[in-house]
Amino acid sequence: MSFPVKKIVSIGLYIILVIAVICLAIVVFIHSSTEGMIFSYSDVDKVPAKDVAIVFGASVNPDSMMPSDMLADRIITGVDLYKKGLVKKLVMSGDNRVSHYNEPLVMRKYAEDLGVPAGDIVLDYAGRRTYDTCYRAREIFGISNAILVTQKYHLYRALYTCRALGLSVVGVSAERQTYTGQNYYNLRELFATLGAFFDVNLLHPNINLP
């Protein structure tokens, strides 16, 4: 005996609703568990000192070799932390998977132009994903504590991932303006946040929250 179409549709909608509620709960959990670790760029004097600031990459213009507005704000914020003595080094982590596109080099040049000595800038050329950046900070660069620098919408996921990998971290929001396409970034971040949860709990479950 086959199920009536209405019943099948009802079951399908119920399953979708349950999945949506679970996904929402995961996002709310990640946001609520990291909210208290986030500082505004305008309140850097309240940020606890750490060994390094990890500046997360974002898009650059491959023709002009200049950072996007979003990336420039991240670099400026990281430089502020350095100049105030809250960190000793800046780790510039970004994408360099093809020869003509190099986020870390652009980030370093911009920071140098702002007065940071080259010797205090460390480049991570394989920071293609937030998870990669956090994992490599611990395993490749031996970092145990850091200030994470990116826009607030991204900080929740970055903080959650780095903490899950055993780093002692706080975050500084680099939002200094309104960015074109922010609604798209916010929507994409919802899915990326869910991906981060499954990444550290299912794909790489050996977590160690400090």
N, C-alpha and C. Protein backbone atom coordinates (compact mmCIF):
# COMPACT_ATOMS: atom_id res chain seq x y z
N MET A 1 0.85 -1.20 0.00
CA MET A 1 0.00 0.00 0.00
C MET A 1 0.88 1.25 0.00
N SER A 2 0.73 2.10 -0.97
CA SER A 2 1.56 3.29 -1.09
C SER A 2 1.04 4.42 -0.20
N PHE A 3 1.95 5.25 0.24
CA PHE A 3 1.58 6.40 1.04
C PHE A 3 0.88 7.44 0.16
N PRO A 4 -0.11 8.13 0.68
CA PRO A 4 -0.73 9.24 -0.05
C PRO A 4 0.31 10.34 -0.29
N VAL A 5 0.16 11.07 -1.37
CA VAL A 5 1.11 12.12 -1.72
C VAL A 5 1.21 13.17 -0.61
N LYS A 6 0.07 13.52 -0.02
CA LYS A 6 0.07 14.53 1.04
C LYS A 6 0.91 14.09 2.23
N LYS A 7 0.82 12.80 2.54
CA LYS A 7 1.58 12.30 3.69
C LYS A 7 3.07 12.33 3.39
N ILE A 8 3.44 11.97 2.18
CA ILE A 8 4.86 12.01 1.80
C ILE A 8 5.39 13.43 1.87
N VAL A 9 4.59 14.37 1.35
CA VAL A 9 5.00 15.78 1.39
C VAL A 9 5.13 16.25 2.83
N SER A 10 4.19 15.86 3.67
CA SER A 10 4.22 16.27 5.09
C SER A 10 5.46 15.73 5.78
N ILE A 11 5.78 14.48 5.52
CA ILE A 11 6.98 13.88 6.12
C ILE A 11 8.23 14.60 5.63
N GLY A 12 8.26 14.89 4.33
CA GLY A 12 9.40 15.60 3.77
C GLY A 12 9.59 16.97 4.38
N LEU A 13 8.49 17.71 4.54
CA LEU A 13 8.55 19.03 5.15
C LEU A 13 8.98 18.95 6.61
N TYR A 14 8.52 17.93 7.30
CA TYR A 14 8.90 17.74 8.71
C TYR A 14 10.40 17.48 8.82
N ILE A 15 10.91 16.64 7.94
CA ILE A 15 12.35 16.34 7.96
C ILE A 15 13.17 17.60 7.68
N ILE A 16 12.72 18.38 6.69
CA ILE A 16 13.41 19.62 6.36
C ILE A 16 13.39 20.58 7.55
N LEU A 17 12.23 20.66 8.23
CA LEU A 17 12.11 21.54 9.39
C LEU A 17 13.06 21.11 10.51
N VAL A 18 13.13 19.81 10.76
CA VAL A 18 14.01 19.30 11.81
C VAL A 18 15.47 19.62 11.48
N ILE A 19 15.85 19.40 10.23
CA ILE A 19 17.22 19.70 9.82
C ILE A 19 17.53 21.18 9.96
N ALA A 20 16.57 22.03 9.57
CA ALA A 20 16.76 23.48 9.67
C ALA A 20 16.94 23.91 11.13
N VAL A 21 16.14 23.32 12.03
CA VAL A 21 16.25 23.65 13.46
C VAL A 21 17.60 23.22 14.01
N ILE A 22 18.05 22.03 13.63
CA ILE A 22 19.36 21.55 14.08
C ILE A 22 20.48 22.46 13.58
N CYS A 23 20.41 22.83 12.31
CA CYS A 23 21.42 23.72 11.73
C CYS A 23 21.43 25.07 12.44
N LEU A 24 20.24 25.60 12.70
CA LEU A 24 20.14 26.88 13.40
C LEU A 24 20.73 26.78 14.80
N ALA A 25 20.45 25.67 15.48
CA ALA A 25 20.97 25.47 16.83
C ALA A 25 22.50 25.42 16.84
N ILE A 26 23.07 24.80 15.82
CA ILE A 26 24.54 24.72 15.73
C ILE A 26 25.13 26.12 15.56
N VAL A 27 24.54 26.90 14.65
CA VAL A 27 25.04 28.26 14.41
C VAL A 27 24.91 29.12 15.67
N VAL A 28 23.76 29.02 16.33
CA VAL A 28 23.54 29.79 17.57
C VAL A 28 24.55 29.38 18.64
N PHE A 29 24.80 28.08 18.74
CA PHE A 29 25.77 27.58 19.72
C PHE A 29 27.16 28.15 19.47
N ILE A 30 27.60 28.12 18.21
CA ILE A 30 28.93 28.62 17.88
C ILE A 30 29.03 30.12 18.14
N HIS A 31 27.99 30.85 17.79
CA HIS A 31 27.99 32.29 18.03
C HIS A 31 28.00 32.60 19.53
N SER A 32 27.14 31.94 20.27
CA SER A 32 27.03 32.24 21.71
C SER A 32 28.28 31.82 22.48
N SER A 33 28.95 30.78 22.02
CA SER A 33 30.13 30.29 22.73
C SER A 33 31.38 31.12 22.45
N THR A 34 31.32 31.98 21.45
CA THR A 34 32.50 32.79 21.10
C THR A 34 32.26 34.29 21.19
N GLU A 35 31.02 34.70 21.37
CA GLU A 35 30.68 36.13 21.39
C GLU A 35 31.52 36.90 22.39
N GLY A 36 31.73 36.33 23.57
CA GLY A 36 32.47 37.03 24.62
C GLY A 36 33.96 37.15 24.36
N MET A 37 34.45 36.55 23.29
CA MET A 37 35.87 36.62 22.96
C MET A 37 36.16 37.66 21.89
N ILE A 38 35.13 38.37 21.45
CA ILE A 38 35.28 39.29 20.33
C ILE A 38 35.36 40.74 20.81
N PHE A 39 36.36 41.45 20.32
CA PHE A 39 36.54 42.86 20.62
C PHE A 39 36.42 43.67 19.33
N SER A 40 35.95 44.90 19.44
CA SER A 40 35.90 45.79 18.29
C SER A 40 37.29 46.38 18.05
N TYR A 41 37.59 46.73 16.80
CA TYR A 41 38.88 47.34 16.49
C TYR A 41 39.06 48.65 17.25
N SER A 42 37.94 49.30 17.60
CA SER A 42 38.02 50.57 18.32
C SER A 42 38.29 50.37 19.80
N ASP A 43 38.25 49.12 20.27
CA ASP A 43 38.51 48.83 21.69
C ASP A 43 39.75 47.98 21.86
N VAL A 44 40.77 48.21 21.02
CA VAL A 44 41.95 47.35 21.08
C VAL A 44 42.69 47.46 22.42
N ASP A 45 42.51 48.57 23.12
CA ASP A 45 43.18 48.72 24.42
C ASP A 45 42.66 47.71 25.45
N LYS A 46 41.49 47.13 25.19
CA LYS A 46 40.91 46.15 26.10
C LYS A 46 41.31 44.72 25.74
N VAL A 47 42.00 44.55 24.62
CA VAL A 47 42.34 43.21 24.13
C VAL A 47 43.53 42.67 24.91
N PRO A 48 43.45 41.44 25.43
CA PRO A 48 44.60 40.85 26.12
C PRO A 48 45.75 40.58 25.16
N ALA A 49 46.96 40.80 25.60
CA ALA A 49 48.13 40.58 24.76
C ALA A 49 48.32 39.09 24.48
N LYS A 50 48.75 38.79 23.26
CA LYS A 50 49.05 37.42 22.85
C LYS A 50 50.38 37.43 22.10
N ASP A 51 50.86 36.25 21.76
CA ASP A 51 52.15 36.17 21.06
C ASP A 51 52.07 36.75 19.66
N VAL A 52 51.00 36.40 18.94
CA VAL A 52 50.90 36.82 17.53
C VAL A 52 49.46 37.23 17.22
N ALA A 53 49.32 37.95 16.12
CA ALA A 53 48.00 38.20 15.54
C ALA A 53 47.95 37.43 14.23
N ILE A 54 46.91 36.63 14.07
CA ILE A 54 46.70 35.92 12.81
C ILE A 54 45.71 36.72 11.99
N VAL A 55 46.19 37.24 10.85
CA VAL A 55 45.34 38.03 9.97
C VAL A 55 44.88 37.12 8.84
N PHE A 56 43.58 36.93 8.74
CA PHE A 56 43.02 36.02 7.74
C PHE A 56 42.94 36.71 6.38
N GLY A 57 43.29 35.97 5.36
CA GLY A 57 43.30 36.52 4.01
C GLY A 57 41.91 36.75 3.45
N ALA A 58 41.87 37.56 2.41
CA ALA A 58 40.65 37.81 1.64
C ALA A 58 41.11 38.20 0.25
N SER A 59 40.18 38.57 -0.60
CA SER A 59 40.53 38.77 -2.01
C SER A 59 41.47 39.95 -2.23
N VAL A 60 42.31 39.80 -3.24
CA VAL A 60 43.19 40.88 -3.68
C VAL A 60 42.98 41.07 -5.18
N ASN A 61 43.32 42.24 -5.66
CA ASN A 61 43.25 42.52 -7.09
C ASN A 61 44.54 42.05 -7.74
N PRO A 62 44.50 40.98 -8.55
CA PRO A 62 45.74 40.43 -9.11
C PRO A 62 46.44 41.38 -10.08
N ASP A 63 45.72 42.35 -10.60
CA ASP A 63 46.32 43.30 -11.54
C ASP A 63 47.09 44.40 -10.81
N SER A 64 46.45 44.99 -9.81
CA SER A 64 47.08 46.07 -9.07
C SER A 64 47.89 45.58 -7.88
N MET A 65 47.70 44.30 -7.51
CA MET A 65 48.35 43.72 -6.32
C MET A 65 48.02 44.53 -5.07
N MET A 66 46.76 44.95 -4.99
CA MET A 66 46.28 45.69 -3.83
C MET A 66 45.19 44.89 -3.14
N PRO A 67 45.10 44.98 -1.80
CA PRO A 67 44.06 44.23 -1.09
C PRO A 67 42.69 44.84 -1.30
N SER A 68 41.67 44.00 -1.21
CA SER A 68 40.29 44.51 -1.22
C SER A 68 40.07 45.34 0.03
N ASP A 69 38.97 46.08 0.07
CA ASP A 69 38.66 46.89 1.25
C ASP A 69 38.60 46.02 2.50
N MET A 70 37.99 44.87 2.37
CA MET A 70 37.85 43.97 3.51
C MET A 70 39.21 43.51 4.02
N LEU A 71 40.09 43.14 3.10
CA LEU A 71 41.42 42.68 3.50
C LEU A 71 42.26 43.82 4.04
N ALA A 72 42.16 44.98 3.42
CA ALA A 72 42.91 46.14 3.91
C ALA A 72 42.56 46.45 5.35
N ASP A 73 41.28 46.38 5.69
CA ASP A 73 40.86 46.65 7.06
C ASP A 73 41.42 45.61 8.03
N ARG A 74 41.51 44.37 7.59
CA ARG A 74 42.11 43.34 8.44
C ARG A 74 43.58 43.64 8.71
N ILE A 75 44.29 44.02 7.67
CA ILE A 75 45.71 44.31 7.82
C ILE A 75 45.92 45.52 8.71
N ILE A 76 45.16 46.57 8.49
CA ILE A 76 45.27 47.78 9.31
C ILE A 76 45.02 47.45 10.78
N THR A 77 44.04 46.62 11.04
CA THR A 77 43.72 46.24 12.43
C THR A 77 44.86 45.44 13.04
N GLY A 78 45.42 44.50 12.28
CA GLY A 78 46.56 43.74 12.77
C GLY A 78 47.75 44.63 13.07
N VAL A 79 48.00 45.60 12.19
CA VAL A 79 49.10 46.55 12.41
C VAL A 79 48.87 47.37 13.68
N ASP A 80 47.64 47.78 13.91
CA ASP A 80 47.32 48.52 15.14
C ASP A 80 47.67 47.70 16.38
N LEU A 81 47.32 46.42 16.36
CA LEU A 81 47.65 45.55 17.49
C LEU A 81 49.15 45.45 17.69
N TYR A 82 49.87 45.35 16.59
CA TYR A 82 51.33 45.27 16.66
C TYR A 82 51.93 46.55 17.22
N LYS A 83 51.48 47.68 16.73
CA LYS A 83 52.05 48.96 17.15
C LYS A 83 51.73 49.28 18.61
N LYS A 84 50.62 48.74 19.10
CA LYS A 84 50.27 48.95 20.50
C LYS A 84 50.96 47.95 21.42
N GLY A 85 51.77 47.07 20.86
CA GLY A 85 52.53 46.11 21.65
C GLY A 85 51.72 44.93 22.16
N LEU A 86 50.54 44.71 21.58
CA LEU A 86 49.69 43.60 22.03
C LEU A 86 50.11 42.28 21.40
N VAL A 87 50.85 42.33 20.32
CA VAL A 87 51.42 41.12 19.70
C VAL A 87 52.84 41.44 19.25
N LYS A 88 53.65 40.37 19.13
CA LYS A 88 55.04 40.54 18.70
C LYS A 88 55.22 40.28 17.20
N LYS A 89 54.33 39.48 16.65
CA LYS A 89 54.42 39.10 15.25
C LYS A 89 53.05 39.15 14.60
N LEU A 90 53.05 39.32 13.29
CA LEU A 90 51.83 39.23 12.50
C LEU A 90 51.96 38.02 11.58
N VAL A 91 50.98 37.12 11.63
CA VAL A 91 50.94 35.99 10.71
C VAL A 91 49.91 36.31 9.64
N MET A 92 50.39 36.43 8.41
CA MET A 92 49.51 36.73 7.28
C MET A 92 49.17 35.42 6.59
N SER A 93 47.95 34.98 6.74
CA SER A 93 47.55 33.67 6.22
C SER A 93 46.55 33.84 5.09
N GLY A 94 46.92 33.35 3.90
CA GLY A 94 46.01 33.51 2.77
C GLY A 94 46.26 32.51 1.68
N ASP A 95 45.64 32.75 0.56
CA ASP A 95 45.63 31.81 -0.57
C ASP A 95 46.76 32.14 -1.55
N ASN A 96 47.51 31.10 -1.91
CA ASN A 96 48.55 31.23 -2.93
C ASN A 96 48.60 29.94 -3.75
N ARG A 97 47.42 29.45 -4.11
CA ARG A 97 47.38 28.14 -4.79
C ARG A 97 47.78 28.23 -6.26
N VAL A 98 47.78 29.45 -6.83
CA VAL A 98 48.24 29.62 -8.21
C VAL A 98 49.30 30.71 -8.24
N SER A 99 50.19 30.65 -9.23
CA SER A 99 51.37 31.51 -9.24
C SER A 99 51.04 33.00 -9.36
N HIS A 100 49.95 33.34 -10.04
CA HIS A 100 49.65 34.75 -10.27
C HIS A 100 48.74 35.36 -9.20
N TYR A 101 48.45 34.60 -8.14
CA TYR A 101 47.56 35.11 -7.09
C TYR A 101 48.19 34.81 -5.74
N ASN A 102 48.56 35.85 -5.00
CA ASN A 102 49.30 35.64 -3.76
C ASN A 102 48.84 36.61 -2.68
N GLU A 103 47.87 36.17 -1.89
CA GLU A 103 47.35 37.02 -0.82
C GLU A 103 48.40 37.37 0.22
N PRO A 104 49.18 36.38 0.75
CA PRO A 104 50.13 36.72 1.81
C PRO A 104 51.16 37.78 1.41
N LEU A 105 51.66 37.73 0.17
CA LEU A 105 52.64 38.73 -0.27
C LEU A 105 52.04 40.13 -0.30
N VAL A 106 50.81 40.22 -0.79
CA VAL A 106 50.12 41.52 -0.81
C VAL A 106 49.90 42.02 0.61
N MET A 107 49.54 41.11 1.50
CA MET A 107 49.31 41.47 2.90
C MET A 107 50.60 41.97 3.56
N ARG A 108 51.70 41.29 3.27
CA ARG A 108 52.98 41.71 3.86
C ARG A 108 53.39 43.10 3.37
N LYS A 109 53.30 43.32 2.08
CA LYS A 109 53.69 44.62 1.53
C LYS A 109 52.85 45.74 2.13
N TYR A 110 51.56 45.50 2.28
CA TYR A 110 50.66 46.52 2.83
C TYR A 110 51.05 46.80 4.28
N ALA A 111 51.35 45.76 5.06
CA ALA A 111 51.75 45.94 6.45
C ALA A 111 53.10 46.65 6.54
N GLU A 112 54.01 46.32 5.66
CA GLU A 112 55.31 47.00 5.64
C GLU A 112 55.14 48.48 5.34
N ASP A 113 54.25 48.79 4.40
CA ASP A 113 53.98 50.19 4.06
C ASP A 113 53.41 50.95 5.25
N LEU A 114 52.78 50.22 6.15
CA LEU A 114 52.21 50.83 7.35
C LEU A 114 53.20 50.86 8.51
N GLY A 115 54.43 50.39 8.26
CA GLY A 115 55.48 50.54 9.26
C GLY A 115 55.88 49.30 10.04
N VAL A 116 55.40 48.12 9.63
CA VAL A 116 55.79 46.89 10.33
C VAL A 116 57.06 46.32 9.69
N PRO A 117 58.11 46.06 10.48
CA PRO A 117 59.33 45.48 9.90
C PRO A 117 59.06 44.11 9.29
N ALA A 118 59.72 43.82 8.17
CA ALA A 118 59.52 42.53 7.49
C ALA A 118 59.83 41.35 8.40
N GLY A 119 60.79 41.53 9.31
CA GLY A 119 61.17 40.44 10.21
C GLY A 119 60.10 40.06 11.20
N ASP A 120 59.10 40.91 11.38
CA ASP A 120 58.01 40.61 12.32
C ASP A 120 56.74 40.15 11.61
N ILE A 121 56.88 39.83 10.33
CA ILE A 121 55.74 39.34 9.56
C ILE A 121 56.03 37.93 9.08
N VAL A 122 55.14 37.01 9.42
CA VAL A 122 55.27 35.61 9.01
C VAL A 122 54.19 35.31 7.97
N LEU A 123 54.58 34.66 6.90
CA LEU A 123 53.64 34.37 5.82
C LEU A 123 53.23 32.90 5.82
N ASP A 124 51.94 32.69 5.76
CA ASP A 124 51.37 31.34 5.60
C ASP A 124 50.70 31.30 4.23
N TYR A 125 51.35 30.64 3.30
CA TYR A 125 50.88 30.63 1.92
C TYR A 125 49.75 29.64 1.66
N ALA A 126 49.43 28.81 2.64
CA ALA A 126 48.44 27.75 2.42
C ALA A 126 47.18 27.94 3.27
N GLY A 127 46.87 29.18 3.62
CA GLY A 127 45.66 29.45 4.40
C GLY A 127 44.45 29.57 3.51
N ARG A 128 44.12 28.49 2.81
CA ARG A 128 43.03 28.54 1.85
C ARG A 128 41.67 28.50 2.53
N ARG A 129 41.62 27.84 3.68
CA ARG A 129 40.37 27.77 4.45
C ARG A 129 40.66 28.20 5.87
N THR A 130 39.62 28.57 6.59
CA THR A 130 39.78 28.93 7.99
C THR A 130 40.38 27.77 8.78
N TYR A 131 39.90 26.56 8.50
CA TYR A 131 40.45 25.40 9.20
C TYR A 131 41.94 25.25 8.91
N ASP A 132 42.34 25.43 7.65
CA ASP A 132 43.74 25.32 7.29
C ASP A 132 44.59 26.31 8.07
N THR A 133 44.12 27.54 8.16
CA THR A 133 44.86 28.58 8.87
C THR A 133 45.05 28.22 10.33
N CYS A 134 43.98 27.79 10.98
CA CYS A 134 44.05 27.44 12.41
C CYS A 134 44.93 26.22 12.64
N TYR A 135 44.77 25.20 11.80
CA TYR A 135 45.56 23.98 11.94
C TYR A 135 47.05 24.26 11.71
N ARG A 136 47.37 25.01 10.68
CA ARG A 136 48.76 25.29 10.37
C ARG A 136 49.39 26.21 11.41
N ALA A 137 48.59 27.09 12.00
CA ALA A 137 49.11 27.95 13.07
C ALA A 137 49.68 27.09 14.20
N ARG A 138 48.97 26.03 14.54
CA ARG A 138 49.41 25.16 15.63
C ARG A 138 50.50 24.20 15.18
N GLU A 139 50.26 23.49 14.08
CA GLU A 139 51.13 22.40 13.69
C GLU A 139 52.38 22.84 12.92
N ILE A 140 52.28 23.86 12.10
CA ILE A 140 53.41 24.29 11.28
C ILE A 140 54.20 25.42 11.95
N PHE A 141 53.48 26.38 12.54
CA PHE A 141 54.15 27.55 13.10
C PHE A 141 54.30 27.49 14.63
N GLY A 142 53.77 26.45 15.26
CA GLY A 142 53.95 26.27 16.70
C GLY A 142 53.28 27.32 17.55
N ILE A 143 52.19 27.89 17.07
CA ILE A 143 51.48 28.93 17.81
C ILE A 143 50.52 28.31 18.81
N SER A 144 50.55 28.80 20.03
CA SER A 144 49.63 28.29 21.06
C SER A 144 48.59 29.32 21.48
N ASN A 145 48.89 30.61 21.26
CA ASN A 145 47.92 31.65 21.60
C ASN A 145 48.02 32.78 20.58
N ALA A 146 46.88 33.38 20.28
CA ALA A 146 46.87 34.39 19.22
C ALA A 146 45.63 35.27 19.30
N ILE A 147 45.75 36.44 18.67
CA ILE A 147 44.60 37.29 18.41
C ILE A 147 44.20 37.07 16.96
N LEU A 148 42.95 36.73 16.72
CA LEU A 148 42.47 36.50 15.36
C LEU A 148 41.90 37.80 14.82
N VAL A 149 42.27 38.14 13.59
CA VAL A 149 41.83 39.40 13.00
C VAL A 149 41.08 39.12 11.71
N THR A 150 39.81 39.46 11.70
CA THR A 150 38.96 39.35 10.53
C THR A 150 37.67 40.11 10.83
N GLN A 151 36.73 40.13 9.90
CA GLN A 151 35.45 40.80 10.18
C GLN A 151 34.61 39.95 11.14
N LYS A 152 33.69 40.59 11.85
CA LYS A 152 32.97 39.89 12.91
C LYS A 152 32.18 38.71 12.40
N TYR A 153 31.56 38.84 11.22
CA TYR A 153 30.74 37.73 10.72
C TYR A 153 31.56 36.45 10.58
N HIS A 154 32.86 36.60 10.37
CA HIS A 154 33.77 35.46 10.20
C HIS A 154 34.45 35.04 11.49
N LEU A 155 34.51 35.95 12.45
CA LEU A 155 35.24 35.68 13.70
C LEU A 155 34.65 34.52 14.49
N TYR A 156 33.32 34.39 14.49
CA TYR A 156 32.71 33.31 15.26
C TYR A 156 33.27 31.96 14.82
N ARG A 157 33.29 31.74 13.53
CA ARG A 157 33.78 30.46 13.00
C ARG A 157 35.29 30.31 13.23
N ALA A 158 36.02 31.39 13.03
CA ALA A 158 37.46 31.33 13.21
C ALA A 158 37.83 31.02 14.66
N LEU A 159 37.16 31.69 15.59
CA LEU A 159 37.42 31.44 17.02
C LEU A 159 37.06 30.01 17.40
N TYR A 160 35.90 29.56 16.95
CA TYR A 160 35.45 28.21 17.28
C TYR A 160 36.44 27.17 16.75
N THR A 161 36.89 27.35 15.52
CA THR A 161 37.79 26.39 14.91
C THR A 161 39.14 26.37 15.60
N CYS A 162 39.71 27.55 15.84
CA CYS A 162 41.01 27.61 16.49
C CYS A 162 40.96 27.05 17.91
N ARG A 163 39.89 27.34 18.64
CA ARG A 163 39.76 26.80 20.00
C ARG A 163 39.62 25.28 19.96
N ALA A 164 38.88 24.78 18.99
CA ALA A 164 38.72 23.34 18.86
C ALA A 164 40.04 22.65 18.57
N LEU A 165 40.96 23.37 17.96
CA LEU A 165 42.28 22.83 17.65
C LEU A 165 43.29 23.09 18.75
N GLY A 166 42.82 23.64 19.87
CA GLY A 166 43.69 23.78 21.04
C GLY A 166 44.38 25.10 21.21
N LEU A 167 44.05 26.11 20.41
CA LEU A 167 44.68 27.41 20.55
C LEU A 167 43.90 28.28 21.54
N SER A 168 44.63 29.06 22.31
CA SER A 168 44.02 30.05 23.20
C SER A 168 43.91 31.35 22.41
N VAL A 169 42.69 31.76 22.09
CA VAL A 169 42.51 32.87 21.16
C VAL A 169 41.41 33.84 21.62
N VAL A 170 41.55 35.07 21.16
CA VAL A 170 40.49 36.06 21.20
C VAL A 170 40.42 36.65 19.79
N GLY A 171 39.39 37.42 19.51
CA GLY A 171 39.25 37.98 18.18
C GLY A 171 39.04 39.48 18.20
N VAL A 172 39.55 40.14 17.18
CA VAL A 172 39.31 41.57 17.01
C VAL A 172 38.61 41.77 15.68
N SER A 173 37.46 42.38 15.73
CA SER A 173 36.69 42.64 14.52
C SER A 173 37.30 43.79 13.72
N ALA A 174 37.51 43.55 12.44
CA ALA A 174 38.16 44.55 11.58
C ALA A 174 37.14 45.32 10.74
N GLU A 175 35.89 45.31 11.12
CA GLU A 175 34.86 46.01 10.35
C GLU A 175 34.97 47.51 10.54
N ARG A 176 35.54 48.18 9.56
CA ARG A 176 35.73 49.62 9.62
C ARG A 176 34.82 50.35 8.63
N GLN A 177 34.02 49.61 7.87
CA GLN A 177 33.15 50.21 6.87
C GLN A 177 32.11 49.17 6.45
N THR A 178 31.20 49.59 5.59
CA THR A 178 30.23 48.67 5.02
C THR A 178 30.80 48.13 3.70
N TYR A 179 30.75 46.81 3.55
CA TYR A 179 31.38 46.18 2.39
C TYR A 179 30.34 45.79 1.35
N THR A 180 30.71 45.98 0.10
CA THR A 180 29.86 45.55 -1.00
C THR A 180 29.69 44.03 -0.96
N GLY A 181 28.44 43.57 -1.08
CA GLY A 181 28.18 42.15 -1.08
C GLY A 181 28.11 41.52 0.30
N GLN A 182 27.92 42.33 1.34
CA GLN A 182 27.93 41.79 2.70
C GLN A 182 26.81 40.77 2.93
N ASN A 183 25.65 40.99 2.33
CA ASN A 183 24.56 40.02 2.49
C ASN A 183 24.96 38.65 1.96
N TYR A 184 25.68 38.64 0.85
CA TYR A 184 26.17 37.38 0.29
C TYR A 184 27.16 36.72 1.25
N TYR A 185 28.08 37.52 1.81
CA TYR A 185 29.05 36.97 2.75
C TYR A 185 28.35 36.38 3.98
N ASN A 186 27.33 37.07 4.46
CA ASN A 186 26.60 36.58 5.63
C ASN A 186 25.92 35.24 5.34
N LEU A 187 25.31 35.13 4.17
CA LEU A 187 24.64 33.89 3.80
C LEU A 187 25.64 32.76 3.63
N ARG A 188 26.73 33.04 2.95
CA ARG A 188 27.76 32.02 2.75
C ARG A 188 28.35 31.57 4.08
N GLU A 189 28.45 32.50 5.02
CA GLU A 189 29.04 32.18 6.31
C GLU A 189 28.18 31.20 7.11
N LEU A 190 26.87 31.26 6.92
CA LEU A 190 26.00 30.30 7.60
C LEU A 190 26.39 28.87 7.24
N PHE A 191 26.57 28.62 5.96
CA PHE A 191 26.95 27.27 5.51
C PHE A 191 28.38 26.94 5.93
N ALA A 192 29.26 27.94 5.88
CA ALA A 192 30.64 27.70 6.29
C ALA A 192 30.73 27.39 7.79
N THR A 193 29.88 28.02 8.58
CA THR A 193 29.86 27.76 10.02
C THR A 193 29.42 26.33 10.30
N LEU A 194 28.41 25.88 9.59
CA LEU A 194 27.98 24.48 9.73
C LEU A 194 29.10 23.54 9.31
N GLY A 195 29.79 23.90 8.24
CA GLY A 195 30.91 23.08 7.78
C GLY A 195 32.00 23.00 8.82
N ALA A 196 32.27 24.11 9.51
CA ALA A 196 33.29 24.12 10.55
C ALA A 196 32.92 23.19 11.70
N PHE A 197 31.64 23.19 12.06
CA PHE A 197 31.19 22.32 13.15
C PHE A 197 31.43 20.86 12.81
N PHE A 198 31.05 20.46 11.60
CA PHE A 198 31.25 19.07 11.21
C PHE A 198 32.72 18.76 10.98
N ASP A 199 33.47 19.77 10.54
CA ASP A 199 34.90 19.58 10.31
C ASP A 199 35.61 19.17 11.59
N VAL A 200 35.37 19.93 12.67
CA VAL A 200 36.13 19.67 13.90
C VAL A 200 35.51 18.57 14.75
N ASN A 201 34.23 18.26 14.55
CA ASN A 201 33.58 17.26 15.38
C ASN A 201 33.43 15.89 14.72
N LEU A 202 33.43 15.86 13.40
CA LEU A 202 33.26 14.59 12.69
C LEU A 202 34.49 14.22 11.86
N LEU A 203 34.95 15.16 11.04
CA LEU A 203 36.09 14.86 10.19
C LEU A 203 37.42 14.86 10.97
N HIS A 204 37.53 15.78 11.94
CA HIS A 204 38.73 15.87 12.76
C HIS A 204 38.31 15.99 14.23
N PRO A 205 37.83 14.91 14.82
CA PRO A 205 37.18 15.00 16.14
C PRO A 205 38.12 15.10 17.34
N ASN A 206 39.43 15.13 17.13
CA ASN A 206 40.36 15.20 18.25
C ASN A 206 40.49 16.63 18.74
N ILE A 207 39.42 17.16 19.34
CA ILE A 207 39.41 18.55 19.77
C ILE A 207 39.95 18.69 21.18
N ASN A 208 40.38 19.90 21.50
CA ASN A 208 40.97 20.15 22.80
C ASN A 208 40.70 21.59 23.18
N LEU A 209 39.52 21.88 23.68
CA LEU A 209 39.16 23.23 24.04
C LEU A 209 39.98 23.71 25.23
N PRO A 210 40.68 24.85 25.10
CA PRO A 210 41.48 25.37 26.21
C PRO A 210 40.59 25.92 27.32
